[in-house]
């Protein structure tokens, strides 16, 4: 049975292929070639991927991404499409699903929503629930750098506290949109924000959301 991660992987690969190597993305400073290189390095170069979480290792990660970005674009797309090598933890279905369903969804939207004519995807309720489940578990990590208190709320009233503090801003939207917001794509997410006006403005422009 196809997993959400596998489906989103193939959608991302197809979209990157269709857009070509020089299309814009929502990732500041990255075009589609550099985004594709990031995805490949994350799965295939664990010696460098630590730079995603550890600031001191970030320069090495940037160098390795640049090395992969210099490869033929078609090769990068094929590496994404075929998935990680056997020695990678991501090759295990459970880890792939847990770590990549959200990752690939976000990066697909990074490409889609960088276009002026983008339209929202219609996501089924099962995938929305899966995204919410992952967001609930990671909300504190994603929101740790928020400049205000931050509560994420689904339209049905389910909430996740991403950051404790005052004043509090409550962000309401479908799980997929809340995921984008929590990953630092505040201005691209279709959400409603409730709270102090100055706090909302600070949160909307915050660079510290996400990893």
Protein backbone atom coordinates (compact mmCIF):
# COMPACT_ATOMS: atom_id res chain seq x y z
CA UNK A 1 0.00 0.00 0.00
CA UNK A 2 1.31 3.42 -0.93
CA UNK A 3 2.15 5.66 2.01
CA UNK A 4 1.62 9.39 2.26
CA UNK A 5 5.39 9.89 2.13
CA UNK A 6 5.73 7.86 -1.05
CA UNK A 7 2.90 9.75 -2.72
CA UNK A 8 4.30 13.15 -1.73
CA UNK A 9 7.77 12.08 -2.85
CA UNK A 10 6.53 11.29 -6.34
CA UNK A 11 4.45 14.47 -6.51
CA UNK A 12 7.48 16.53 -5.51
CA UNK A 13 9.72 14.81 -8.06
CA UNK A 14 7.17 15.31 -10.83
CA UNK A 15 6.68 18.95 -9.93
CA UNK A 16 10.41 19.69 -9.77
CA UNK A 17 10.85 18.00 -13.13
CA UNK A 18 8.02 20.00 -14.69
CA UNK A 19 9.22 23.33 -13.29
CA UNK A 20 12.83 22.91 -14.34
CA UNK A 21 15.99 23.78 -12.40
CA UNK A 22 15.65 27.57 -12.22
CA UNK A 23 12.11 28.06 -10.91
CA UNK A 24 11.57 30.03 -7.68
CA UNK A 25 10.61 28.44 -4.38
CA UNK A 26 9.45 29.72 -0.99
CA UNK A 27 12.81 28.67 0.50
CA UNK A 28 14.73 31.92 0.72
CA UNK A 29 17.75 31.88 -1.56
CA UNK A 30 16.90 28.54 -3.19
CA UNK A 31 15.62 27.79 -6.64
CA UNK A 32 14.26 24.38 -7.61
CA UNK A 33 17.75 22.99 -8.30
CA UNK A 34 18.97 23.89 -4.82
CA UNK A 35 15.78 22.58 -3.22
CA UNK A 36 16.20 19.28 -5.07
CA UNK A 37 19.81 19.09 -3.88
CA UNK A 38 18.69 19.69 -0.28
CA UNK A 39 16.18 16.84 -0.48
CA UNK A 40 18.81 14.44 -1.84
CA UNK A 41 21.48 15.43 0.71
CA UNK A 42 19.05 15.06 3.61
CA UNK A 43 18.41 11.44 2.67
CA UNK A 44 21.78 10.36 1.30
CA UNK A 45 24.41 12.29 3.25
CA UNK A 46 23.78 11.85 6.98
CA UNK A 47 27.33 13.08 7.61
CA UNK A 48 26.22 16.51 6.35
CA UNK A 49 22.49 16.51 7.17
CA UNK A 50 23.25 17.23 10.83
CA UNK A 51 23.63 20.83 9.75
CA UNK A 52 19.85 21.04 9.53
CA UNK A 53 19.68 20.97 13.34
CA UNK A 54 23.16 21.93 14.57
CA UNK A 55 24.18 25.46 13.67
CA UNK A 56 27.91 24.74 13.85
CA UNK A 57 27.53 22.10 11.12
CA UNK A 58 25.50 24.32 8.78
CA UNK A 59 28.50 25.51 6.69
CA UNK A 60 29.41 21.91 5.83
CA UNK A 61 25.80 21.19 4.89
CA UNK A 62 25.75 24.21 2.60
CA UNK A 63 28.94 23.04 0.87
CA UNK A 64 27.55 19.55 0.29
CA UNK A 65 24.26 20.93 -1.03
CA UNK A 66 26.23 23.11 -3.45
CA UNK A 67 28.17 20.04 -4.62
CA UNK A 68 24.96 18.14 -5.31
CA UNK A 69 23.35 21.17 -6.95
CA UNK A 70 26.17 21.08 -9.50
CA UNK A 71 25.06 17.62 -10.66
CA UNK A 72 22.77 17.28 -13.68
CA UNK A 73 19.27 18.29 -12.65
CA UNK A 74 17.77 15.11 -14.13
CA UNK A 75 20.03 13.06 -11.86
CA UNK A 76 18.77 14.88 -8.78
CA UNK A 77 15.16 14.27 -9.77
CA UNK A 78 15.85 10.58 -10.28
CA UNK A 79 17.53 10.32 -6.88
CA UNK A 80 14.46 11.85 -5.26
CA UNK A 81 12.07 9.65 -7.19
CA UNK A 82 13.89 6.38 -6.44
CA UNK A 83 14.29 7.16 -2.77
CA UNK A 84 17.12 6.67 -0.30
CA UNK A 85 19.72 3.89 -0.47
CA UNK A 86 19.31 0.76 1.64
CA UNK A 87 21.77 1.92 4.29
CA UNK A 88 19.70 5.03 5.00
CA UNK A 89 17.21 4.97 7.90
CA UNK A 90 14.78 6.62 5.50
CA UNK A 91 14.65 3.37 3.53
CA UNK A 92 12.53 1.87 6.35
CA UNK A 93 8.85 2.41 5.60
CA UNK A 94 7.94 3.50 9.13
CA UNK A 95 10.75 6.06 9.33
CA UNK A 96 10.09 7.28 5.80
CA UNK A 97 6.44 7.87 6.64
CA UNK A 98 7.15 9.55 9.97
CA UNK A 99 9.93 11.80 8.69
CA UNK A 100 9.00 12.48 5.08
CA UNK A 101 5.24 12.81 4.68
CA UNK A 102 5.33 16.34 6.10
CA UNK A 103 8.76 17.16 4.65
CA UNK A 104 7.74 16.37 1.09
CA UNK A 105 4.34 18.03 1.44
CA UNK A 106 5.99 21.27 2.61
CA UNK A 107 8.56 21.26 -0.18
CA UNK A 108 5.92 20.53 -2.80
CA UNK A 109 4.07 23.60 -1.59
CA UNK A 110 7.36 25.55 -1.58
CA UNK A 111 7.40 25.08 -5.34
CA UNK A 112 3.67 25.35 -6.02
CA UNK A 113 3.07 28.48 -3.96
CA UNK A 114 6.04 30.34 -5.38
CA UNK A 115 4.04 30.64 -8.61
CA UNK A 116 1.63 33.58 -8.89
CA UNK A 117 -1.16 31.38 -10.29
CA UNK A 118 -1.11 28.64 -7.64
CA UNK A 119 -4.35 27.16 -6.37
CA UNK A 120 -4.87 25.11 -3.18
CA UNK A 121 -4.66 21.34 -3.39
CA UNK A 122 -7.66 19.39 -2.21
CA UNK A 123 -6.33 17.00 0.43
CA UNK A 124 -8.30 14.06 1.77
CA UNK A 125 -9.25 13.92 5.44
CA UNK A 126 -6.95 10.95 6.14
CA UNK A 127 -3.89 12.91 5.03
CA UNK A 128 -5.07 16.00 6.91
CA UNK A 129 -5.38 13.92 10.07
CA UNK A 130 -1.92 12.42 9.49
CA UNK A 131 -0.41 15.88 9.11
CA UNK A 132 -2.17 17.03 12.28
CA UNK A 133 -0.89 14.05 14.24
CA UNK A 134 2.70 14.87 13.24
CA UNK A 135 2.18 18.56 13.94
CA UNK A 136 0.85 17.87 17.43
CA UNK A 137 4.02 15.94 18.26
CA UNK A 138 6.41 18.50 16.77
CA UNK A 139 4.57 21.76 17.59
CA UNK A 140 6.82 22.73 20.53
CA UNK A 141 9.94 22.14 18.44
CA UNK A 142 8.64 24.09 15.46
CA UNK A 143 7.38 26.97 17.58
CA UNK A 144 10.26 27.23 20.03
CA UNK A 145 11.52 30.44 18.42
CA UNK A 146 8.15 32.19 18.16
CA UNK A 147 8.24 35.78 19.46
CA UNK A 148 4.79 35.36 21.04
CA UNK A 149 2.67 32.68 22.60
CA UNK A 150 1.42 30.47 19.78
CA UNK A 151 -1.57 28.13 19.65
CA UNK A 152 -2.42 26.16 16.51
CA UNK A 153 -6.10 25.31 16.10
CA UNK A 154 -8.05 23.19 13.64
CA UNK A 155 -11.49 24.38 12.52
CA UNK A 156 -13.02 21.62 14.67
CA UNK A 157 -11.43 23.13 17.79
CA UNK A 158 -8.50 20.73 18.33
CA UNK A 159 -5.47 22.69 19.47
CA UNK A 160 -1.74 22.31 19.90
CA UNK A 161 0.38 24.71 21.96
CA UNK A 162 3.47 25.55 19.92
CA UNK A 163 4.92 28.16 22.27
CA UNK A 164 4.00 29.31 25.76
CA UNK A 165 4.10 33.02 26.42
CA UNK A 166 2.16 36.25 26.23
CA UNK A 167 0.56 37.77 24.33
CA UNK A 168 -0.94 34.68 22.71
CA UNK A 169 -1.73 34.43 19.02
CA UNK A 170 -4.13 31.68 17.94
CA UNK A 171 -3.65 30.50 14.36
CA UNK A 172 -6.62 28.63 12.87
CA UNK A 173 -6.63 26.59 9.68
CA UNK A 174 -6.69 23.13 8.19
CA UNK A 175 -3.78 20.94 9.34
CA UNK A 176 -1.94 21.25 6.03
CA UNK A 177 -2.02 25.04 6.29
CA UNK A 178 -0.97 24.98 9.95
CA UNK A 179 1.96 22.76 8.98
CA UNK A 180 3.13 25.37 6.48
CA UNK A 181 2.72 28.13 9.05
CA UNK A 182 4.67 26.22 11.69
CA UNK A 183 7.45 25.51 9.18
CA UNK A 184 8.02 29.22 8.64
CA UNK A 185 5.83 29.73 5.58
CA UNK A 186 3.51 32.13 7.43
CA UNK A 187 2.77 34.39 4.48
CA UNK A 188 1.92 31.47 2.19
CA UNK A 189 -0.38 29.64 4.62
CA UNK A 190 -4.17 30.03 4.37
CA UNK A 191 -4.91 30.66 8.04
CA UNK A 192 -6.66 33.12 10.32
CA UNK A 193 -4.81 34.74 13.22
CA UNK A 194 -6.46 36.00 16.37
CA UNK A 195 -4.75 38.09 19.02
CA UNK A 196 -2.98 41.38 19.65
CA UNK A 197 -2.30 43.21 16.38
CA UNK A 198 1.35 43.91 17.16
CA UNK A 199 1.88 40.30 18.23
CA UNK A 200 0.31 39.03 15.01
CA UNK A 201 2.58 41.28 12.97
CA UNK A 202 5.67 40.05 14.84
CA UNK A 203 4.65 36.43 14.44
CA UNK A 204 3.89 36.81 10.75
CA UNK A 205 7.36 38.19 10.07
CA UNK A 206 9.25 35.90 12.47
CA UNK A 207 12.20 34.07 10.91
CA UNK A 208 12.58 31.65 13.81
CA UNK A 209 9.61 29.36 13.14
CA UNK A 210 10.42 25.87 11.95
CA UNK A 211 13.76 24.07 12.10
